Amino acid sequence: MKKPAIFLAFAMLAIAPAAMAKTHNISGSITGTFDAGSVGPCATGYANQCASGTCFHFQPATGTTPTGSGTIGKGTVTSMCVTVDAGNNVNAPADTDTKHTCSPIFGDLVYLTTKSGTVTAVNFAGVFCHHQDTSPTGTFEAGFGIDGADSTDTAATGWGTLTGTVNNGTSKFSLKPKGSFTP
């Protein structure tokens, strides 16, 4: 009779850490400056996608480091790449009008929290829209997921939305993640 009780005690200890992990809401702001862009998708990672074959990608401009704050923690982006699949834009498939009005995006970034030294890898997918040729900004609307395998805490999970803007003249961007995180 004692064997089932011992087994049950070990089973409870094995799942206790997972049960203690508490999901909490996160939000914040990440700001920086993109480079001028390059032809093709990002070279590696989740952002290495280009279904149409007509893509370009952006990374933080050389010599710049995007920074973040909010409940995501004060920190810096140590790597980031965003692929824009212009060939799949919504107003003219195969980009025949070259306006890139709204196009799918695939991105990844790695965020280093300054105080704790925690590294969190994030993948995101959504759309980048440049609503009018004369508009000074473009907008990001995406969903994100935390990639625990490439994070300090490999069991980390989380998801949410990523919204933001890019200034077409200066390439400065502001991204706002909002969602949940479970360490």
Protein backbone atom coordinates (compact mmCIF):
# COMPACT_ATOMS: atom_id res chain seq x y z
CA MET A 1 0.00 0.00 0.00
CA LYS A 2 2.94 2.34 0.60
CA LYS A 3 4.25 2.04 -2.98
CA PRO A 4 1.33 3.95 -4.57
CA ALA A 5 1.67 6.69 -1.92
CA ILE A 6 5.42 7.03 -2.61
CA PHE A 7 4.77 7.09 -6.37
CA LEU A 8 2.10 9.78 -5.89
CA ALA A 9 4.49 11.88 -3.77
CA PHE A 10 7.22 11.69 -6.45
CA ALA A 11 4.71 12.51 -9.19
CA MET A 12 3.55 15.59 -7.26
CA LEU A 13 7.15 16.74 -6.77
CA ALA A 14 7.85 16.28 -10.47
CA ILE A 15 4.96 18.49 -11.56
CA ALA A 16 5.22 21.02 -8.71
CA PRO A 17 7.63 23.39 -10.51
CA ALA A 18 5.31 23.54 -13.52
CA ALA A 19 2.33 24.18 -11.28
CA MET A 20 4.22 26.99 -9.48
CA ALA A 21 5.08 28.83 -12.70
CA LYS A 22 2.80 31.83 -12.72
CA THR A 23 1.63 33.48 -15.93
CA HIS A 24 1.80 37.26 -15.82
CA ASN A 25 0.80 40.02 -18.20
CA ILE A 26 3.54 41.85 -20.07
CA SER A 27 3.64 45.06 -22.05
CA GLY A 28 6.26 47.50 -23.12
CA SER A 29 7.91 49.48 -25.84
CA ILE A 30 10.92 48.69 -28.02
CA THR A 31 12.40 51.54 -30.04
CA GLY A 32 15.25 51.73 -32.54
CA THR A 33 16.22 52.46 -36.13
CA PHE A 34 16.07 50.03 -39.04
CA ASP A 35 18.71 49.87 -41.78
CA ALA A 36 17.81 50.68 -45.40
CA GLY A 37 16.81 47.07 -46.04
CA SER A 38 18.17 44.30 -48.24
CA VAL A 39 16.69 42.11 -50.97
CA GLY A 40 15.53 38.64 -49.92
CA PRO A 41 14.37 37.16 -46.61
CA CYS A 42 16.35 37.18 -43.37
CA ALA A 43 19.21 34.70 -43.55
CA THR A 44 18.25 32.54 -40.55
CA GLY A 45 15.60 31.90 -37.94
CA TYR A 46 11.85 32.18 -38.04
CA ALA A 47 12.11 35.28 -40.26
CA ASN A 48 13.74 33.23 -43.04
CA GLN A 49 10.44 32.91 -44.97
CA CYS A 50 9.48 34.24 -48.41
CA ALA A 51 6.54 32.42 -49.96
CA SER A 52 6.20 34.74 -52.98
CA GLY A 53 9.90 34.98 -53.83
CA THR A 54 9.69 38.81 -53.76
CA CYS A 55 10.89 39.79 -50.29
CA PHE A 56 13.15 42.21 -48.52
CA HIS A 57 14.34 42.35 -44.92
CA PHE A 58 15.30 44.89 -42.28
CA GLN A 59 17.63 44.75 -39.30
CA PRO A 60 18.64 47.41 -36.79
CA ALA A 61 20.91 49.98 -38.47
CA THR A 62 24.64 49.38 -38.04
CA GLY A 63 25.91 51.02 -34.88
CA THR A 64 22.46 51.19 -33.25
CA THR A 65 20.96 49.09 -30.46
CA PRO A 66 17.19 49.05 -30.00
CA THR A 67 16.11 49.49 -26.37
CA GLY A 68 13.04 48.46 -24.45
CA SER A 69 11.14 49.20 -21.27
CA GLY A 70 7.89 48.40 -19.48
CA THR A 71 6.84 45.20 -17.73
CA ILE A 72 9.03 43.35 -20.24
CA GLY A 73 11.91 44.87 -18.23
CA LYS A 74 14.44 47.48 -19.23
CA GLY A 75 16.72 45.98 -21.83
CA THR A 76 18.20 45.83 -25.31
CA VAL A 77 17.57 43.92 -28.51
CA THR A 78 20.70 41.88 -29.23
CA SER A 79 19.50 40.60 -32.61
CA MET A 80 16.50 41.26 -34.82
CA CYS A 81 15.41 40.66 -38.40
CA VAL A 82 12.09 41.29 -40.16
CA THR A 83 11.18 39.83 -43.57
CA VAL A 84 8.51 41.65 -45.61
CA ASP A 85 6.90 39.42 -48.26
CA ALA A 86 6.06 42.24 -50.73
CA GLY A 87 5.05 39.74 -53.41
CA ASN A 88 2.07 38.73 -51.29
CA ASN A 89 0.73 42.23 -50.63
CA VAL A 90 -3.04 42.52 -50.47
CA ASN A 91 -3.75 45.06 -53.20
CA ALA A 92 -1.73 43.52 -56.04
CA PRO A 93 -0.43 39.96 -55.71
CA ALA A 94 3.09 39.48 -57.06
CA ASP A 95 3.61 43.20 -56.29
CA THR A 96 2.61 44.24 -59.83
CA ASP A 97 1.80 47.79 -58.70
CA THR A 98 5.01 48.10 -56.54
CA LYS A 99 3.08 49.92 -53.79
CA HIS A 100 3.60 47.24 -51.07
CA THR A 101 0.36 48.49 -49.42
CA CYS A 102 -0.05 45.67 -46.84
CA SER A 103 2.36 42.75 -46.90
CA PRO A 104 2.95 39.74 -44.65
CA ILE A 105 5.89 39.99 -42.23
CA PHE A 106 7.88 37.36 -40.37
CA GLY A 107 10.32 38.38 -37.69
CA ASP A 108 12.44 37.33 -34.78
CA LEU A 109 14.23 39.21 -32.07
CA VAL A 110 16.29 38.43 -29.00
CA TYR A 111 15.72 40.65 -25.94
CA LEU A 112 18.27 40.95 -23.12
CA THR A 113 16.84 42.22 -19.83
CA THR A 114 19.47 44.49 -18.29
CA LYS A 115 18.86 43.82 -14.57
CA SER A 116 18.52 40.03 -14.62
CA GLY A 117 20.55 39.19 -17.71
CA THR A 118 17.63 37.08 -18.95
CA VAL A 119 17.55 36.42 -22.69
CA THR A 120 14.13 35.97 -24.32
CA ALA A 121 13.73 34.96 -27.97
CA VAL A 122 10.54 36.09 -29.71
CA ASN A 123 9.07 35.09 -33.09
CA PHE A 124 6.32 37.14 -34.71
CA ALA A 125 4.12 37.08 -37.80
CA GLY A 126 1.65 39.59 -39.11
CA VAL A 127 1.36 42.44 -41.59
CA PHE A 128 3.19 45.66 -42.37
CA CYS A 129 1.00 48.33 -43.98
CA HIS A 130 1.93 51.54 -45.74
CA HIS A 131 -1.55 52.99 -46.08
CA GLN A 132 -0.83 55.73 -48.62
CA ASP A 133 2.19 56.75 -50.68
CA THR A 134 2.28 60.11 -48.89
CA SER A 135 1.89 58.65 -45.38
CA PRO A 136 4.92 59.39 -43.18
CA THR A 137 4.59 56.11 -41.27
CA GLY A 138 3.91 52.45 -41.84
CA THR A 139 2.28 50.19 -39.26
CA PHE A 140 2.99 46.76 -37.77
CA GLU A 141 0.21 44.44 -36.62
CA ALA A 142 1.42 41.02 -35.52
CA GLY A 143 1.10 38.17 -33.11
CA PHE A 144 4.13 36.90 -31.20
CA GLY A 145 5.25 33.76 -29.44
CA ILE A 146 8.16 33.23 -27.08
CA ASP A 147 10.70 30.71 -28.34
CA GLY A 148 11.77 29.02 -25.11
CA ALA A 149 14.35 26.83 -26.88
CA ASP A 150 16.43 29.92 -27.71
CA SER A 151 15.84 31.68 -24.37
CA THR A 152 17.65 31.59 -21.01
CA ASP A 153 14.62 29.81 -19.56
CA THR A 154 14.02 27.02 -22.07
CA ALA A 155 10.61 26.26 -20.51
CA ALA A 156 9.40 29.84 -21.01
CA THR A 157 6.21 30.34 -22.99
CA GLY A 158 4.16 33.36 -23.90
CA TRP A 159 2.17 34.99 -26.65
CA GLY A 160 0.39 38.17 -27.49
CA THR A 161 0.24 41.06 -29.94
CA LEU A 162 2.97 43.27 -31.35
CA THR A 163 1.91 46.61 -32.78
CA GLY A 164 3.95 49.57 -33.88
CA THR A 165 5.06 52.11 -36.42
CA VAL A 166 8.01 52.82 -38.69
CA ASN A 167 8.81 56.35 -39.85
CA ASN A 168 9.36 56.15 -43.61
CA GLY A 169 11.77 59.11 -43.65
CA THR A 170 14.01 58.23 -40.69
CA SER A 171 13.45 54.43 -40.37
CA LYS A 172 12.88 54.88 -36.62
CA PHE A 173 10.56 52.24 -35.24
CA SER A 174 8.47 51.75 -32.12
CA LEU A 175 7.07 48.31 -31.30
CA LYS A 176 4.67 47.58 -28.46
CA PRO A 177 4.38 43.98 -27.24
CA LYS A 178 1.38 43.09 -25.07
CA GLY A 179 0.50 39.62 -23.89
CA SER A 180 1.39 36.98 -21.33
CA PHE A 181 4.55 35.26 -20.17
CA THR A 182 5.04 32.08 -18.17
CA PRO A 183 8.59 31.41 -16.95
